[in-house]
């Protein structure tokens, strides 16, 4: 079962063309989520941070 935050931007199946580029992007998003403690189950990068005053 794939997570919604993954399926929304990347789709349920990687395409035959550009697979390596898509995989690299997926790994980058996963690392971002881990480094920034993103727990949102729908948005891959989490909610938009508030604007500074």
PDB file of N, CA and C in Angstrom:
ATOM      1  N   UNK A   1       0.834  -1.176   0.000  1.00  0.00           N
ATOM      2  CA  UNK A   1       0.000   0.000   0.000  1.00  0.00           C
ATOM      3  C   UNK A   1       0.882   1.244   0.000  1.00  0.00           C
ATOM      4  N   UNK A   2       0.629   2.142  -0.938  1.00  0.00           N
ATOM      5  CA  UNK A   2       1.379   3.387  -1.016  1.00  0.00           C
ATOM      6  C   UNK A   2       0.687   4.472  -0.211  1.00  0.00           C
ATOM      7  N   UNK A   3       1.470   5.353   0.338  1.00  0.00           N
ATOM      8  CA  UNK A   3       0.942   6.449   1.137  1.00  0.00           C
ATOM      9  C   UNK A   3       0.401   7.551   0.233  1.00  0.00           C
ATOM     10  N   UNK A   4      -0.664   8.212   0.681  1.00  0.00           N
ATOM     11  CA  UNK A   4      -1.302   9.260  -0.116  1.00  0.00           C
ATOM     12  C   UNK A   4      -0.320  10.370  -0.472  1.00  0.00           C
ATOM     13  N   UNK A   5       0.553  10.758   0.465  1.00  0.00           N
ATOM     14  CA  UNK A   5       1.482  11.842   0.174  1.00  0.00           C
ATOM     15  C   UNK A   5       2.464  11.453  -0.931  1.00  0.00           C
ATOM     16  N   UNK A   6       2.665  10.164  -1.137  1.00  0.00           N
ATOM     17  CA  UNK A   6       3.558   9.690  -2.195  1.00  0.00           C
ATOM     18  C   UNK A   6       2.823   9.560  -3.522  1.00  0.00           C
ATOM     19  N   UNK A   7       1.620   9.002  -3.479  1.00  0.00           N
ATOM     20  CA  UNK A   7       0.857   8.740  -4.705  1.00  0.00           C
ATOM     21  C   UNK A   7       0.409  10.032  -5.382  1.00  0.00           C
ATOM     22  N   UNK A   8       0.047  11.055  -4.585  1.00  0.00           N
ATOM     23  CA  UNK A   8      -0.458  12.301  -5.172  1.00  0.00           C
ATOM     24  C   UNK A   8       0.560  12.946  -6.117  1.00  0.00           C
ATOM     25  N   UNK A   9       1.806  13.184  -5.705  1.00  0.00           N
ATOM     26  CA  UNK A   9       2.741  13.812  -6.639  1.00  0.00           C
ATOM     27  C   UNK A   9       3.412  12.852  -7.623  1.00  0.00           C
ATOM     28  N   UNK A  10       3.566  11.580  -7.255  1.00  0.00           N
ATOM     29  CA  UNK A  10       4.340  10.666  -8.092  1.00  0.00           C
ATOM     30  C   UNK A  10       3.507   9.646  -8.854  1.00  0.00           C
ATOM     31  N   UNK A  11       2.268   9.438  -8.461  1.00  0.00           N
ATOM     32  CA  UNK A  11       1.418   8.445  -9.108  1.00  0.00           C
ATOM     33  C   UNK A  11       1.645   7.071  -8.518  1.00  0.00           C
ATOM     34  N   UNK A  12       0.733   6.137  -8.808  1.00  0.00           N
ATOM     35  CA  UNK A  12       0.834   4.800  -8.224  1.00  0.00           C
ATOM     36  C   UNK A  12       1.937   3.933  -8.841  1.00  0.00           C
ATOM     37  N   UNK A  13       2.332   4.269 -10.071  1.00  0.00           N
ATOM     38  CA  UNK A  13       3.356   3.473 -10.771  1.00  0.00           C
ATOM     39  C   UNK A  13       4.317   4.429 -11.457  1.00  0.00           C
ATOM     40  N   UNK A  14       5.602   4.137 -11.355  1.00  0.00           N
ATOM     41  CA  UNK A  14       6.586   4.961 -12.050  1.00  0.00           C
ATOM     42  C   UNK A  14       6.516   4.704 -13.549  1.00  0.00           C
ATOM     43  N   UNK A  15       6.680   5.744 -14.374  1.00  0.00           N
ATOM     44  CA  UNK A  15       6.612   5.572 -15.825  1.00  0.00           C
ATOM     45  C   UNK A  15       7.849   4.845 -16.360  1.00  0.00           C
ATOM     46  N   UNK A  16       7.728   4.325 -17.560  1.00  0.00           N
ATOM     47  CA  UNK A  16       8.844   3.621 -18.189  1.00  0.00           C
ATOM     48  C   UNK A  16       9.972   4.586 -18.531  1.00  0.00           C
ATOM     49  N   UNK A  17       9.629   5.832 -18.843  1.00  0.00           N
ATOM     50  CA  UNK A  17      10.638   6.839 -19.191  1.00  0.00           C
ATOM     51  C   UNK A  17      10.816   7.794 -18.020  1.00  0.00           C
ATOM     52  N   UNK A  18      12.030   8.195 -17.762  1.00  0.00           N
ATOM     53  CA  UNK A  18      12.307   9.139 -16.696  1.00  0.00           C
ATOM     54  C   UNK A  18      12.214   8.537 -15.299  1.00  0.00           C
ATOM     55  N   UNK A  19      12.336   7.215 -15.222  1.00  0.00           N
ATOM     56  CA  UNK A  19      12.192   6.534 -13.932  1.00  0.00           C
ATOM     57  C   UNK A  19      13.277   6.960 -12.949  1.00  0.00           C
ATOM     58  N   UNK A  20      14.509   7.045 -13.395  1.00  0.00           N
ATOM     59  CA  UNK A  20      15.601   7.398 -12.490  1.00  0.00           C
ATOM     60  C   UNK A  20      15.408   8.799 -11.916  1.00  0.00           C
ATOM     61  N   UNK A  21      14.999   9.741 -12.759  1.00  0.00           N
ATOM     62  CA  UNK A  21      14.768  11.105 -12.301  1.00  0.00           C
ATOM     63  C   UNK A  21      13.639  11.136 -11.272  1.00  0.00           C
ATOM     64  N   UNK A  22      12.564  10.397 -11.531  1.00  0.00           N
ATOM     65  CA  UNK A  22      11.434  10.341 -10.597  1.00  0.00           C
ATOM     66  C   UNK A  22      11.846   9.695  -9.279  1.00  0.00           C
ATOM     67  N   UNK A  23      12.635   8.638  -9.340  1.00  0.00           N
ATOM     68  CA  UNK A  23      13.094   7.975  -8.122  1.00  0.00           C
ATOM     69  C   UNK A  23      13.976   8.914  -7.292  1.00  0.00           C
ATOM     70  N   UNK A  24      14.856   9.656  -7.955  1.00  0.00           N
ATOM     71  CA  UNK A  24      15.708  10.607  -7.248  1.00  0.00           C
ATOM     72  C   UNK A  24      14.867  11.676  -6.555  1.00  0.00           C
ATOM     73  N   UNK A  25      13.838  12.152  -7.222  1.00  0.00           N
ATOM     74  CA  UNK A  25      12.954  13.147  -6.627  1.00  0.00           C
ATOM     75  C   UNK A  25      12.194  12.558  -5.438  1.00  0.00           C
ATOM     76  N   UNK A  26      11.721  11.331  -5.574  1.00  0.00           N
ATOM     77  CA  UNK A  26      11.006  10.665  -4.483  1.00  0.00           C
ATOM     78  C   UNK A  26      11.913  10.505  -3.260  1.00  0.00           C
ATOM     79  N   UNK A  27      13.161  10.147  -3.468  1.00  0.00           N
ATOM     80  CA  UNK A  27      14.112  10.008  -2.362  1.00  0.00           C
ATOM     81  C   UNK A  27      14.350  11.370  -1.710  1.00  0.00           C
ATOM     82  N   UNK A  28      14.478  12.426  -2.515  1.00  0.00           N
ATOM     83  CA  UNK A  28      14.680  13.768  -1.978  1.00  0.00           C
ATOM     84  C   UNK A  28      13.491  14.193  -1.117  1.00  0.00           C
ATOM     85  N   UNK A  29      12.275  13.901  -1.569  1.00  0.00           N
ATOM     86  CA  UNK A  29      11.079  14.241  -0.794  1.00  0.00           C
ATOM     87  C   UNK A  29      11.049  13.439   0.502  1.00  0.00           C
ATOM     88  N   UNK A  30      11.384  12.168   0.442  1.00  0.00           N
ATOM     89  CA  UNK A  30      11.407  11.339   1.642  1.00  0.00           C
ATOM     90  C   UNK A  30      12.427  11.874   2.652  1.00  0.00           C
ATOM     91  N   UNK A  31      13.606  12.239   2.190  1.00  0.00           N
ATOM     92  CA  UNK A  31      14.620  12.795   3.083  1.00  0.00           C
ATOM     93  C   UNK A  31      14.161  14.116   3.694  1.00  0.00           C
ATOM     94  N   UNK A  32      13.515  14.962   2.882  1.00  0.00           N
ATOM     95  CA  UNK A  32      12.986  16.230   3.391  1.00  0.00           C
ATOM     96  C   UNK A  32      11.982  15.967   4.510  1.00  0.00           C
ATOM     97  N   UNK A  33      11.076  15.004   4.285  1.00  0.00           N
ATOM     98  CA  UNK A  33      10.066  14.683   5.290  1.00  0.00           C
ATOM     99  C   UNK A  33      10.721  14.213   6.585  1.00  0.00           C
ATOM    100  N   UNK A  34      11.766  13.421   6.476  1.00  0.00           N
ATOM    101  CA  UNK A  34      12.449  12.922   7.662  1.00  0.00           C
ATOM    102  C   UNK A  34      13.196  14.047   8.375  1.00  0.00           C
ATOM    103  N   UNK A  35      13.926  14.871   7.627  1.00  0.00           N
ATOM    104  CA  UNK A  35      14.725  15.946   8.221  1.00  0.00           C
ATOM    105  C   UNK A  35      13.866  17.006   8.895  1.00  0.00           C
ATOM    106  N   UNK A  36      12.658  17.239   8.350  1.00  0.00           N
ATOM    107  CA  UNK A  36      11.799  18.306   8.865  1.00  0.00           C
ATOM    108  C   UNK A  36      10.609  17.764   9.654  1.00  0.00           C
ATOM    109  N   UNK A  37      10.644  16.494   9.972  1.00  0.00           N
ATOM    110  CA  UNK A  37       9.596  15.847  10.775  1.00  0.00           C
ATOM    111  C   UNK A  37       8.190  16.099  10.223  1.00  0.00           C
ATOM    112  N   UNK A  38       8.055  15.987   8.910  1.00  0.00           N
ATOM    113  CA  UNK A  38       6.742  16.171   8.281  1.00  0.00           C
ATOM    114  C   UNK A  38       5.907  14.926   8.544  1.00  0.00           C
ATOM    115  N   UNK A  39       4.740  15.110   9.107  1.00  0.00           N
ATOM    116  CA  UNK A  39       3.855  13.984   9.414  1.00  0.00           C
ATOM    117  C   UNK A  39       2.536  14.057   8.659  1.00  0.00           C
ATOM    118  N   UNK A  40       2.350  15.082   7.836  1.00  0.00           N
ATOM    119  CA  UNK A  40       1.119  15.227   7.076  1.00  0.00           C
ATOM    120  C   UNK A  40       0.941  14.015   6.170  1.00  0.00           C
ATOM    121  N   UNK A  41      -0.230  13.406   6.202  1.00  0.00           N
ATOM    122  CA  UNK A  41      -0.478  12.184   5.434  1.00  0.00           C
ATOM    123  C   UNK A  41      -0.926  12.442   4.001  1.00  0.00           C
ATOM    124  N   UNK A  42      -1.199  13.712   3.656  1.00  0.00           N
ATOM    125  CA  UNK A  42      -1.690  14.031   2.312  1.00  0.00           C
ATOM    126  C   UNK A  42      -0.685  14.849   1.515  1.00  0.00           C
ATOM    127  N   UNK A  43      -0.115  15.876   2.130  1.00  0.00           N
ATOM    128  CA  UNK A  43       0.810  16.769   1.438  1.00  0.00           C
ATOM    129  C   UNK A  43       2.247  16.275   1.583  1.00  0.00           C
ATOM    130  N   UNK A  44       2.902  16.057   0.461  1.00  0.00           N
ATOM    131  CA  UNK A  44       4.253  15.490   0.485  1.00  0.00           C
ATOM    132  C   UNK A  44       5.242  16.333   1.284  1.00  0.00           C
ATOM    133  N   UNK A  45       5.156  17.658   1.169  1.00  0.00           N
ATOM    134  CA  UNK A  45       6.088  18.532   1.874  1.00  0.00           C
ATOM    135  C   UNK A  45       5.463  19.154   3.115  1.00  0.00           C
ATOM    136  N   UNK A  46       4.258  18.739   3.453  1.00  0.00           N
ATOM    137  CA  UNK A  46       3.581  19.288   4.618  1.00  0.00           C
ATOM    138  C   UNK A  46       2.921  20.611   4.287  1.00  0.00           C
ATOM    139  N   UNK A  47       2.298  21.226   5.286  1.00  0.00           N
ATOM    140  CA  UNK A  47       1.623  22.506   5.041  1.00  0.00           C
ATOM    141  C   UNK A  47       2.617  23.620   4.762  1.00  0.00           C
ATOM    142  N   UNK A  48       2.136  24.660   4.116  1.00  0.00           N
ATOM    143  CA  UNK A  48       2.968  25.823   3.822  1.00  0.00           C
ATOM    144  C   UNK A  48       3.306  26.504   5.145  1.00  0.00           C
ATOM    145  N   UNK A  49       4.593  26.788   5.372  1.00  0.00           N
ATOM    146  CA  UNK A  49       4.959  27.440   6.634  1.00  0.00           C
ATOM    147  C   UNK A  49       4.393  28.853   6.685  1.00  0.00           C
ATOM    148  N   UNK A  50       4.128  29.350   7.897  1.00  0.00           N
ATOM    149  CA  UNK A  50       3.599  30.717   8.007  1.00  0.00           C
ATOM    150  C   UNK A  50       4.632  31.742   7.549  1.00  0.00           C
ATOM    151  N   UNK A  51       4.123  32.845   7.026  1.00  0.00           N
ATOM    152  CA  UNK A  51       5.012  33.926   6.586  1.00  0.00           C
ATOM    153  C   UNK A  51       5.551  34.656   7.800  1.00  0.00           C
ATOM    154  N   UNK A  52       6.821  35.020   7.766  1.00  0.00           N
ATOM    155  CA  UNK A  52       7.367  35.792   8.887  1.00  0.00           C
ATOM    156  C   UNK A  52       6.708  37.176   8.926  1.00  0.00           C
ATOM    157  N   UNK A  53       6.606  37.746  10.115  1.00  0.00           N
ATOM    158  CA  UNK A  53       5.958  39.076  10.218  1.00  0.00           C
ATOM    159  C   UNK A  53       6.751  40.173   9.551  1.00  0.00           C
TER     160      UNK A  53
END
